[in-house]
Amino acid sequence: MTIVSSYVDFVNSQAKRLERIIAKHPEDKRAKTAYQPFIQKFEAIAEHLNRQDELNQSLQHRVAELEGELAKRQLSLDNLDLKPHDLAGLPPEVIQQLSIGDVDLQEFKFLEMIEAAGGTMTLDKLIIQLYRETSEVHDRAKLNARLYRMTSKGMLYSVPGKRGVYSIYKPTEASQDSYAPTPEEGDA
């Protein structure tokens, strides 16, 4: 039962209540005159709410269809970008034949580090981890810009409400604070 249908039930019960009052006292012309306009308004409201509910359901169905189409298109776009798992197990000769630049390899390294840390990592922790593994000091602004570009490509996700926190997992719809692999990410 939708919220609108519960309102329709309420409005209909009010109209029926007034009809019962009129039926109980058929000789009371004043009550009939006073309550009849309310009964008509309740019926009109119920009819209007039913039409709105049908329209809302139709729109929700269309939104679901469009979201499904968008998801299919997104999946096909995902096939355009290389991800670290695409390179796993490939021999160096094959990797040399791919159009992968130093920037791509560095982004893959960032993803591996974040994944090794449980899938979510702060920018500060990433700077520390990069220094420990490479002995290089990475400029915070440049690294943040790189991570931002990675989020634009769908390789990473910013954690809503948390500055400088990135996750390899898409936030679940149930909770914007919950990060867990979605079924398609778990298969990748």
N, C-alpha and C. Protein backbone atom coordinates (compact mmCIF):
# COMPACT_ATOMS: atom_id res chain seq x y z
N MET A 1 0.85 -1.18 0.00
CA MET A 1 0.00 0.00 0.00
C MET A 1 0.89 1.24 0.00
N THR A 2 0.65 2.14 -0.94
CA THR A 2 1.41 3.37 -1.00
C THR A 2 0.86 4.37 0.00
N ILE A 3 1.64 5.41 0.25
CA ILE A 3 1.19 6.44 1.19
C ILE A 3 -0.05 7.14 0.64
N VAL A 4 -0.09 7.31 -0.67
CA VAL A 4 -1.25 7.96 -1.28
C VAL A 4 -2.50 7.11 -1.10
N SER A 5 -2.37 5.80 -1.28
CA SER A 5 -3.56 4.94 -1.12
C SER A 5 -4.04 4.95 0.33
N SER A 6 -3.13 5.12 1.28
CA SER A 6 -3.57 5.22 2.68
C SER A 6 -4.33 6.53 2.90
N TYR A 7 -3.91 7.60 2.20
CA TYR A 7 -4.66 8.86 2.29
C TYR A 7 -6.04 8.71 1.64
N VAL A 8 -6.11 8.01 0.52
CA VAL A 8 -7.39 7.78 -0.15
C VAL A 8 -8.31 7.01 0.78
N ASP A 9 -7.78 5.98 1.43
CA ASP A 9 -8.60 5.21 2.38
C ASP A 9 -9.13 6.11 3.50
N PHE A 10 -8.27 7.00 4.00
CA PHE A 10 -8.70 7.91 5.06
C PHE A 10 -9.81 8.84 4.57
N VAL A 11 -9.59 9.44 3.39
CA VAL A 11 -10.58 10.37 2.84
C VAL A 11 -11.91 9.65 2.59
N ASN A 12 -11.85 8.44 2.04
CA ASN A 12 -13.07 7.67 1.80
C ASN A 12 -13.77 7.32 3.11
N SER A 13 -13.00 7.00 4.14
CA SER A 13 -13.63 6.67 5.43
C SER A 13 -14.33 7.88 6.02
N GLN A 14 -13.78 9.08 5.78
CA GLN A 14 -14.43 10.29 6.29
C GLN A 14 -15.75 10.54 5.55
N ALA A 15 -15.74 10.32 4.24
CA ALA A 15 -16.98 10.49 3.47
C ALA A 15 -18.03 9.47 3.93
N LYS A 16 -17.62 8.23 4.14
CA LYS A 16 -18.55 7.19 4.60
C LYS A 16 -19.08 7.49 6.00
N ARG A 17 -18.21 8.04 6.84
CA ARG A 17 -18.64 8.41 8.19
C ARG A 17 -19.77 9.44 8.13
N LEU A 18 -19.60 10.45 7.25
CA LEU A 18 -20.64 11.48 7.11
C LEU A 18 -21.91 10.89 6.50
N GLU A 19 -21.75 9.95 5.54
CA GLU A 19 -22.92 9.30 4.95
C GLU A 19 -23.68 8.49 6.00
N ARG A 20 -22.94 7.85 6.93
CA ARG A 20 -23.60 7.08 7.99
C ARG A 20 -24.36 8.01 8.94
N ILE A 21 -23.80 9.17 9.20
CA ILE A 21 -24.49 10.13 10.06
C ILE A 21 -25.80 10.57 9.41
N ILE A 22 -25.74 10.88 8.09
CA ILE A 22 -26.95 11.30 7.37
C ILE A 22 -27.96 10.16 7.34
N ALA A 23 -27.47 8.92 7.11
CA ALA A 23 -28.39 7.77 7.05
C ALA A 23 -29.02 7.49 8.41
N LYS A 24 -28.27 7.75 9.47
CA LYS A 24 -28.78 7.49 10.82
C LYS A 24 -29.90 8.48 11.19
N HIS A 25 -29.81 9.69 10.63
CA HIS A 25 -30.79 10.73 10.94
C HIS A 25 -31.38 11.26 9.63
N PRO A 26 -32.21 10.46 8.95
CA PRO A 26 -32.73 10.89 7.63
C PRO A 26 -33.66 12.09 7.71
N GLU A 27 -34.27 12.29 8.88
CA GLU A 27 -35.19 13.42 9.02
C GLU A 27 -34.46 14.75 9.25
N ASP A 28 -33.17 14.70 9.57
CA ASP A 28 -32.40 15.92 9.85
C ASP A 28 -31.89 16.52 8.54
N LYS A 29 -32.68 17.45 7.98
CA LYS A 29 -32.34 18.08 6.70
C LYS A 29 -31.11 18.98 6.82
N ARG A 30 -30.95 19.60 8.01
CA ARG A 30 -29.80 20.50 8.22
C ARG A 30 -28.49 19.73 8.13
N ALA A 31 -28.44 18.51 8.72
CA ALA A 31 -27.22 17.70 8.68
C ALA A 31 -26.93 17.29 7.25
N LYS A 32 -27.98 16.90 6.52
CA LYS A 32 -27.76 16.50 5.12
C LYS A 32 -27.23 17.68 4.32
N THR A 33 -27.82 18.85 4.50
CA THR A 33 -27.38 20.05 3.79
C THR A 33 -25.94 20.41 4.17
N ALA A 34 -25.60 20.26 5.43
CA ALA A 34 -24.26 20.62 5.90
C ALA A 34 -23.21 19.60 5.47
N TYR A 35 -23.55 18.32 5.53
CA TYR A 35 -22.55 17.27 5.28
C TYR A 35 -22.39 16.90 3.80
N GLN A 36 -23.45 17.11 2.99
CA GLN A 36 -23.38 16.69 1.59
C GLN A 36 -22.21 17.37 0.84
N PRO A 37 -21.96 18.67 1.01
CA PRO A 37 -20.82 19.29 0.30
C PRO A 37 -19.47 18.68 0.75
N PHE A 38 -19.38 18.32 2.03
CA PHE A 38 -18.14 17.70 2.51
C PHE A 38 -17.93 16.32 1.88
N ILE A 39 -19.02 15.57 1.78
CA ILE A 39 -18.94 14.24 1.16
C ILE A 39 -18.47 14.38 -0.29
N GLN A 40 -19.02 15.35 -1.01
CA GLN A 40 -18.62 15.57 -2.40
C GLN A 40 -17.14 15.98 -2.49
N LYS A 41 -16.71 16.82 -1.56
CA LYS A 41 -15.29 17.24 -1.56
C LYS A 41 -14.37 16.06 -1.24
N PHE A 42 -14.77 15.24 -0.28
CA PHE A 42 -13.97 14.05 0.05
C PHE A 42 -13.86 13.12 -1.17
N GLU A 43 -14.99 12.94 -1.88
CA GLU A 43 -14.97 12.08 -3.06
C GLU A 43 -14.07 12.66 -4.14
N ALA A 44 -14.12 13.98 -4.32
CA ALA A 44 -13.27 14.64 -5.32
C ALA A 44 -11.78 14.52 -4.93
N ILE A 45 -11.52 14.68 -3.66
CA ILE A 45 -10.13 14.54 -3.18
C ILE A 45 -9.63 13.12 -3.42
N ALA A 46 -10.45 12.13 -3.10
CA ALA A 46 -10.06 10.73 -3.31
C ALA A 46 -9.81 10.46 -4.78
N GLU A 47 -10.67 10.97 -5.65
CA GLU A 47 -10.48 10.78 -7.09
C GLU A 47 -9.18 11.44 -7.55
N HIS A 48 -8.93 12.65 -7.08
CA HIS A 48 -7.70 13.36 -7.44
C HIS A 48 -6.46 12.61 -6.93
N LEU A 49 -6.51 12.13 -5.71
CA LEU A 49 -5.38 11.38 -5.15
C LEU A 49 -5.13 10.09 -5.93
N ASN A 50 -6.21 9.41 -6.33
CA ASN A 50 -6.05 8.19 -7.14
C ASN A 50 -5.38 8.49 -8.47
N ARG A 51 -5.81 9.58 -9.13
CA ARG A 51 -5.17 9.96 -10.41
C ARG A 51 -3.69 10.29 -10.20
N GLN A 52 -3.39 11.01 -9.13
CA GLN A 52 -1.99 11.36 -8.84
C GLN A 52 -1.16 10.11 -8.53
N ASP A 53 -1.76 9.17 -7.81
CA ASP A 53 -1.06 7.93 -7.49
C ASP A 53 -0.77 7.13 -8.76
N GLU A 54 -1.73 7.06 -9.66
CA GLU A 54 -1.50 6.37 -10.94
C GLU A 54 -0.39 7.06 -11.73
N LEU A 55 -0.42 8.37 -11.76
CA LEU A 55 0.62 9.14 -12.46
C LEU A 55 1.98 8.90 -11.82
N ASN A 56 2.04 8.94 -10.49
CA ASN A 56 3.30 8.70 -9.78
C ASN A 56 3.85 7.31 -10.07
N GLN A 57 2.97 6.31 -10.06
CA GLN A 57 3.41 4.94 -10.34
C GLN A 57 3.92 4.82 -11.77
N SER A 58 3.25 5.48 -12.70
CA SER A 58 3.68 5.47 -14.09
C SER A 58 5.06 6.14 -14.23
N LEU A 59 5.24 7.26 -13.55
CA LEU A 59 6.53 7.96 -13.59
C LEU A 59 7.63 7.14 -12.93
N GLN A 60 7.31 6.49 -11.82
CA GLN A 60 8.31 5.65 -11.16
C GLN A 60 8.71 4.49 -12.04
N HIS A 61 7.76 3.93 -12.76
CA HIS A 61 8.06 2.83 -13.69
C HIS A 61 8.99 3.33 -14.80
N ARG A 62 8.70 4.52 -15.32
CA ARG A 62 9.54 5.08 -16.39
C ARG A 62 10.93 5.41 -15.88
N VAL A 63 11.03 5.94 -14.67
CA VAL A 63 12.34 6.23 -14.08
C VAL A 63 13.14 4.94 -13.93
N ALA A 64 12.49 3.87 -13.49
CA ALA A 64 13.18 2.59 -13.35
C ALA A 64 13.68 2.09 -14.70
N GLU A 65 12.86 2.26 -15.74
CA GLU A 65 13.29 1.87 -17.09
C GLU A 65 14.51 2.68 -17.53
N LEU A 66 14.46 3.99 -17.32
CA LEU A 66 15.57 4.85 -17.72
C LEU A 66 16.84 4.54 -16.92
N GLU A 67 16.68 4.24 -15.63
CA GLU A 67 17.84 3.87 -14.82
C GLU A 67 18.46 2.58 -15.33
N GLY A 68 17.62 1.62 -15.75
CA GLY A 68 18.12 0.38 -16.31
C GLY A 68 18.89 0.62 -17.60
N GLU A 69 18.34 1.47 -18.47
CA GLU A 69 19.04 1.81 -19.71
C GLU A 69 20.37 2.50 -19.42
N LEU A 70 20.36 3.42 -18.45
CA LEU A 70 21.58 4.11 -18.09
C LEU A 70 22.62 3.15 -17.53
N ALA A 71 22.19 2.20 -16.71
CA ALA A 71 23.12 1.22 -16.15
C ALA A 71 23.74 0.38 -17.26
N LYS A 72 22.94 0.00 -18.27
CA LYS A 72 23.49 -0.77 -19.40
C LYS A 72 24.53 0.06 -20.15
N ARG A 73 24.21 1.32 -20.36
CA ARG A 73 25.17 2.19 -21.07
C ARG A 73 26.42 2.39 -20.24
N GLN A 74 26.26 2.53 -18.92
CA GLN A 74 27.42 2.71 -18.04
C GLN A 74 28.32 1.48 -18.10
N LEU A 75 27.71 0.29 -18.12
CA LEU A 75 28.51 -0.93 -18.21
C LEU A 75 29.30 -0.95 -19.50
N SER A 76 28.70 -0.50 -20.59
CA SER A 76 29.44 -0.50 -21.84
C SER A 76 30.54 0.55 -21.82
N LEU A 77 30.34 1.66 -21.13
CA LEU A 77 31.39 2.67 -21.01
C LEU A 77 32.53 2.17 -20.13
N ASP A 78 32.21 1.32 -19.14
CA ASP A 78 33.24 0.78 -18.28
C ASP A 78 34.24 -0.06 -19.06
N ASN A 79 33.82 -0.60 -20.17
CA ASN A 79 34.72 -1.41 -20.98
C ASN A 79 35.75 -0.57 -21.73
N LEU A 80 35.60 0.75 -21.71
CA LEU A 80 36.54 1.61 -22.43
C LEU A 80 37.80 1.90 -21.62
N ASP A 81 37.72 1.89 -20.33
CA ASP A 81 38.88 2.20 -19.48
C ASP A 81 39.51 0.93 -18.96
N LEU A 82 40.83 0.91 -18.98
CA LEU A 82 41.56 -0.21 -18.37
C LEU A 82 41.57 -0.04 -16.87
N LYS A 83 41.44 -1.15 -16.20
CA LYS A 83 41.51 -1.17 -14.74
C LYS A 83 42.64 -2.10 -14.36
N PRO A 84 43.15 -2.00 -13.14
CA PRO A 84 44.27 -2.86 -12.72
C PRO A 84 43.97 -4.35 -12.90
N HIS A 85 42.74 -4.77 -12.64
CA HIS A 85 42.43 -6.20 -12.76
C HIS A 85 42.50 -6.68 -14.21
N ASP A 86 42.39 -5.73 -15.18
CA ASP A 86 42.53 -6.11 -16.58
C ASP A 86 43.95 -6.56 -16.91
N LEU A 87 44.91 -6.04 -16.16
CA LEU A 87 46.32 -6.34 -16.42
C LEU A 87 46.84 -7.53 -15.61
N ALA A 88 46.05 -7.94 -14.63
CA ALA A 88 46.51 -9.02 -13.74
C ALA A 88 46.84 -10.27 -14.53
N GLY A 89 48.03 -10.79 -14.30
CA GLY A 89 48.45 -12.05 -14.91
C GLY A 89 48.98 -11.94 -16.33
N LEU A 90 48.98 -10.73 -16.89
CA LEU A 90 49.49 -10.58 -18.25
C LEU A 90 51.02 -10.53 -18.25
N PRO A 91 51.65 -11.14 -19.23
CA PRO A 91 53.11 -11.08 -19.30
C PRO A 91 53.55 -9.68 -19.74
N PRO A 92 54.78 -9.28 -19.39
CA PRO A 92 55.28 -7.94 -19.74
C PRO A 92 55.20 -7.64 -21.24
N GLU A 93 55.37 -8.66 -22.08
CA GLU A 93 55.32 -8.43 -23.52
C GLU A 93 53.95 -7.91 -23.96
N VAL A 94 52.90 -8.45 -23.35
CA VAL A 94 51.54 -8.01 -23.69
C VAL A 94 51.31 -6.60 -23.15
N ILE A 95 51.73 -6.35 -21.94
CA ILE A 95 51.54 -5.03 -21.32
C ILE A 95 52.25 -3.96 -22.14
N GLN A 96 53.43 -4.28 -22.70
CA GLN A 96 54.17 -3.31 -23.52
C GLN A 96 53.39 -2.95 -24.79
N GLN A 97 52.53 -3.84 -25.26
CA GLN A 97 51.77 -3.59 -26.48
C GLN A 97 50.54 -2.71 -26.22
N LEU A 98 50.19 -2.53 -24.98
CA LEU A 98 49.02 -1.72 -24.63
C LEU A 98 49.39 -0.24 -24.58
N SER A 99 48.41 0.60 -24.81
CA SER A 99 48.66 2.05 -24.73
C SER A 99 48.44 2.51 -23.29
N ILE A 100 49.37 2.13 -22.44
CA ILE A 100 49.31 2.49 -21.03
C ILE A 100 50.49 3.40 -20.74
N GLY A 101 50.19 4.57 -20.22
CA GLY A 101 51.24 5.53 -19.88
C GLY A 101 51.62 5.43 -18.42
N ASP A 102 52.62 6.24 -18.07
CA ASP A 102 53.07 6.28 -16.67
C ASP A 102 51.95 6.75 -15.75
N VAL A 103 51.13 7.68 -16.25
CA VAL A 103 50.01 8.19 -15.44
C VAL A 103 49.04 7.04 -15.12
N ASP A 104 48.74 6.22 -16.13
CA ASP A 104 47.83 5.08 -15.91
C ASP A 104 48.42 4.12 -14.88
N LEU A 105 49.69 3.83 -15.02
CA LEU A 105 50.33 2.90 -14.08
C LEU A 105 50.32 3.46 -12.66
N GLN A 106 50.52 4.78 -12.56
CA GLN A 106 50.49 5.40 -11.24
C GLN A 106 49.07 5.34 -10.65
N GLU A 107 48.05 5.56 -11.47
CA GLU A 107 46.68 5.47 -10.98
C GLU A 107 46.37 4.04 -10.54
N PHE A 108 46.86 3.07 -11.28
CA PHE A 108 46.67 1.68 -10.89
C PHE A 108 47.32 1.40 -9.54
N LYS A 109 48.48 2.01 -9.32
CA LYS A 109 49.19 1.83 -8.04
C LYS A 109 48.34 2.42 -6.89
N PHE A 110 47.76 3.59 -7.15
CA PHE A 110 46.91 4.21 -6.12
C PHE A 110 45.75 3.27 -5.78
N LEU A 111 45.11 2.71 -6.82
CA LEU A 111 43.99 1.80 -6.59
C LEU A 111 44.42 0.57 -5.80
N GLU A 112 45.58 0.02 -6.13
CA GLU A 112 46.07 -1.15 -5.40
C GLU A 112 46.31 -0.83 -3.93
N MET A 113 46.88 0.36 -3.67
CA MET A 113 47.15 0.75 -2.29
C MET A 113 45.85 0.93 -1.50
N ILE A 114 44.86 1.57 -2.14
CA ILE A 114 43.59 1.79 -1.46
C ILE A 114 42.89 0.44 -1.23
N GLU A 115 42.95 -0.43 -2.22
CA GLU A 115 42.34 -1.75 -2.06
C GLU A 115 43.03 -2.55 -0.94
N ALA A 116 44.37 -2.46 -0.87
CA ALA A 116 45.11 -3.18 0.16
C ALA A 116 44.78 -2.65 1.56
N ALA A 117 44.34 -1.39 1.62
CA ALA A 117 43.99 -0.78 2.91
C ALA A 117 42.53 -1.06 3.29
N GLY A 118 41.87 -1.93 2.57
CA GLY A 118 40.49 -2.27 2.89
C GLY A 118 39.48 -1.63 1.97
N GLY A 119 39.94 -0.86 0.99
CA GLY A 119 39.03 -0.28 0.01
C GLY A 119 38.73 1.19 0.21
N THR A 120 39.06 1.72 1.36
CA THR A 120 38.82 3.14 1.64
C THR A 120 40.07 3.70 2.32
N MET A 121 40.47 4.91 1.88
CA MET A 121 41.70 5.49 2.43
C MET A 121 41.63 7.01 2.37
N THR A 122 42.25 7.65 3.35
CA THR A 122 42.32 9.11 3.34
C THR A 122 43.50 9.54 2.47
N LEU A 123 43.45 10.77 2.02
CA LEU A 123 44.54 11.33 1.23
C LEU A 123 45.83 11.32 2.04
N ASP A 124 45.76 11.64 3.32
CA ASP A 124 46.95 11.63 4.18
C ASP A 124 47.60 10.25 4.23
N LYS A 125 46.77 9.23 4.42
CA LYS A 125 47.31 7.86 4.49
C LYS A 125 47.94 7.46 3.16
N LEU A 126 47.34 7.89 2.06
CA LEU A 126 47.89 7.56 0.75
C LEU A 126 49.25 8.23 0.55
N ILE A 127 49.37 9.48 0.97
CA ILE A 127 50.67 10.17 0.88
C ILE A 127 51.72 9.42 1.68
N ILE A 128 51.36 9.00 2.88
CA ILE A 128 52.29 8.25 3.73
C ILE A 128 52.67 6.93 3.07
N GLN A 129 51.68 6.20 2.57
CA GLN A 129 51.93 4.90 1.95
C GLN A 129 52.80 5.05 0.70
N LEU A 130 52.53 6.07 -0.10
CA LEU A 130 53.35 6.30 -1.30
C LEU A 130 54.80 6.60 -0.91
N TYR A 131 54.99 7.38 0.13
CA TYR A 131 56.35 7.68 0.57
C TYR A 131 57.05 6.41 1.06
N ARG A 132 56.34 5.59 1.82
CA ARG A 132 56.96 4.36 2.34
C ARG A 132 57.34 3.39 1.22
N GLU A 133 56.54 3.35 0.16
CA GLU A 133 56.83 2.40 -0.92
C GLU A 133 57.81 2.95 -1.96
N THR A 134 57.80 4.27 -2.17
CA THR A 134 58.63 4.83 -3.25
C THR A 134 59.70 5.80 -2.76
N SER A 135 59.64 6.21 -1.51
CA SER A 135 60.52 7.23 -0.94
C SER A 135 60.39 8.57 -1.66
N GLU A 136 59.27 8.77 -2.32
CA GLU A 136 59.00 10.03 -3.01
C GLU A 136 57.95 10.81 -2.23
N VAL A 137 58.13 12.14 -2.18
CA VAL A 137 57.15 13.02 -1.54
C VAL A 137 56.21 13.50 -2.65
N HIS A 138 54.94 13.13 -2.53
CA HIS A 138 53.94 13.54 -3.52
C HIS A 138 53.27 14.83 -3.07
N ASP A 139 53.14 15.78 -3.99
CA ASP A 139 52.48 17.05 -3.72
C ASP A 139 51.00 16.79 -3.46
N ARG A 140 50.52 17.27 -2.32
CA ARG A 140 49.15 17.00 -1.90
C ARG A 140 48.12 17.50 -2.91
N ALA A 141 48.29 18.72 -3.41
CA ALA A 141 47.31 19.29 -4.34
C ALA A 141 47.28 18.50 -5.65
N LYS A 142 48.45 18.12 -6.15
CA LYS A 142 48.51 17.35 -7.40
C LYS A 142 47.92 15.96 -7.21
N LEU A 143 48.22 15.34 -6.09
CA LEU A 143 47.68 14.01 -5.81
C LEU A 143 46.16 14.08 -5.66
N ASN A 144 45.68 15.09 -4.98
CA ASN A 144 44.23 15.26 -4.81
C ASN A 144 43.56 15.48 -6.17
N ALA A 145 44.21 16.28 -7.04
CA ALA A 145 43.66 16.51 -8.38
C ALA A 145 43.62 15.20 -9.17
N ARG A 146 44.66 14.39 -9.03
CA ARG A 146 44.71 13.10 -9.73
C ARG A 146 43.59 12.19 -9.23
N LEU A 147 43.39 12.15 -7.92
CA LEU A 147 42.32 11.32 -7.35
C LEU A 147 40.95 11.82 -7.81
N TYR A 148 40.82 13.13 -7.90
CA TYR A 148 39.56 13.70 -8.38
C TYR A 148 39.29 13.26 -9.81
N ARG A 149 40.31 13.30 -10.67
CA ARG A 149 40.15 12.84 -12.05
C ARG A 149 39.78 11.36 -12.09
N MET A 150 40.36 10.60 -11.18
CA MET A 150 40.03 9.17 -11.11
C MET A 150 38.56 8.97 -10.73
N THR A 151 38.03 9.84 -9.86
CA THR A 151 36.60 9.74 -9.51
C THR A 151 35.74 10.11 -10.71
N SER A 152 36.21 11.06 -11.52
CA SER A 152 35.47 11.44 -12.73
C SER A 152 35.40 10.28 -13.71
N LYS A 153 36.44 9.45 -13.73
CA LYS A 153 36.47 8.30 -14.63
C LYS A 153 35.76 7.09 -14.04
N GLY A 154 35.30 7.19 -12.79
CA GLY A 154 34.61 6.08 -12.15
C GLY A 154 35.55 5.02 -11.60
N MET A 155 36.82 5.35 -11.45
CA MET A 155 37.78 4.40 -10.90
C MET A 155 37.74 4.41 -9.38
N LEU A 156 37.39 5.56 -8.82
CA LEU A 156 37.33 5.77 -7.37
C LEU A 156 36.04 6.51 -7.05
N TYR A 157 35.70 6.54 -5.77
CA TYR A 157 34.54 7.29 -5.32
C TYR A 157 34.93 8.14 -4.13
N SER A 158 34.49 9.39 -4.14
CA SER A 158 34.66 10.25 -2.97
C SER A 158 33.64 9.83 -1.92
N VAL A 159 34.05 9.85 -0.69
CA VAL A 159 33.13 9.52 0.39
C VAL A 159 32.34 10.79 0.72
N PRO A 160 31.02 10.78 0.52
CA PRO A 160 30.22 11.98 0.79
C PRO A 160 30.35 12.44 2.23
N GLY A 161 30.55 13.73 2.40
CA GLY A 161 30.64 14.30 3.73
C GLY A 161 32.01 14.15 4.38
N LYS A 162 32.96 13.53 3.68
CA LYS A 162 34.30 13.33 4.23
C LYS A 162 35.31 13.89 3.22
N ARG A 163 35.98 14.94 3.59
CA ARG A 163 36.98 15.52 2.68
C ARG A 163 38.23 14.65 2.66
N GLY A 164 38.73 14.44 1.45
CA GLY A 164 39.98 13.72 1.31
C GLY A 164 39.89 12.24 1.62
N VAL A 165 38.70 11.65 1.52
CA VAL A 165 38.53 10.22 1.76
C VAL A 165 38.00 9.60 0.47
N TYR A 166 38.70 8.55 0.01
CA TYR A 166 38.36 7.91 -1.26
C TYR A 166 38.14 6.42 -1.04
N SER A 167 37.25 5.86 -1.87
CA SER A 167 36.92 4.45 -1.76
C SER A 167 36.88 3.83 -3.16
N ILE A 168 37.23 2.55 -3.23
CA ILE A 168 37.11 1.84 -4.51
C ILE A 168 35.69 1.33 -4.69
N TYR A 169 34.89 1.42 -3.63
CA TYR A 169 33.52 0.92 -3.66
C TYR A 169 32.53 2.06 -3.85
N LYS A 170 31.54 1.80 -4.65
CA LYS A 170 30.47 2.77 -4.86
C LYS A 170 29.60 2.78 -3.61
N PRO A 171 29.20 3.97 -3.14
CA PRO A 171 28.32 4.00 -1.96
C PRO A 171 27.02 3.27 -2.25
N THR A 172 26.55 2.49 -1.28
CA THR A 172 25.28 1.79 -1.47
C THR A 172 24.17 2.81 -1.37
N GLU A 173 23.04 2.50 -2.01
CA GLU A 173 21.92 3.42 -1.98
C GLU A 173 21.25 3.45 -0.62
N ALA A 174 21.36 2.37 0.12
CA ALA A 174 20.69 2.30 1.43
C ALA A 174 21.30 3.31 2.39
N SER A 175 22.60 3.48 2.33
CA SER A 175 23.26 4.40 3.24
C SER A 175 24.44 5.03 2.55
N GLN A 176 24.48 6.34 2.53
CA GLN A 176 25.59 7.03 1.90
C GLN A 176 26.89 6.87 2.69
N ASP A 177 26.79 6.40 3.92
CA ASP A 177 28.00 6.18 4.72
C ASP A 177 28.51 4.75 4.58
N SER A 178 27.78 3.90 3.92
CA SER A 178 28.14 2.49 3.81
C SER A 178 28.83 2.23 2.48
N TYR A 179 30.00 1.64 2.54
CA TYR A 179 30.76 1.34 1.34
C TYR A 179 31.05 -0.14 1.32
N ALA A 180 30.49 -0.79 0.35
CA ALA A 180 30.70 -2.22 0.19
C ALA A 180 30.65 -2.53 -1.29
N PRO A 181 31.27 -3.60 -1.70
CA PRO A 181 31.22 -3.92 -3.12
C PRO A 181 29.80 -4.21 -3.57
N THR A 182 29.45 -3.61 -4.72
CA THR A 182 28.16 -3.93 -5.32
C THR A 182 28.35 -5.24 -6.07
N PRO A 183 27.27 -5.95 -6.44
CA PRO A 183 27.42 -7.25 -7.10
C PRO A 183 28.34 -7.19 -8.32
N GLU A 184 28.23 -6.14 -9.15
CA GLU A 184 29.08 -6.11 -10.33
C GLU A 184 30.54 -5.85 -9.97
N GLU A 185 30.80 -5.13 -8.85
CA GLU A 185 32.18 -4.90 -8.44
C GLU A 185 32.77 -6.16 -7.83
N GLY A 186 31.95 -6.92 -7.14
CA GLY A 186 32.43 -8.15 -6.53
C GLY A 186 32.83 -9.17 -7.59
N ASP A 187 32.19 -9.10 -8.78
CA ASP A 187 32.52 -10.03 -9.85
C ASP A 187 33.77 -9.63 -10.60
N ALA A 188 34.13 -8.35 -10.52
CA ALA A 188 35.27 -7.86 -11.30
C ALA A 188 36.59 -8.36 -10.77
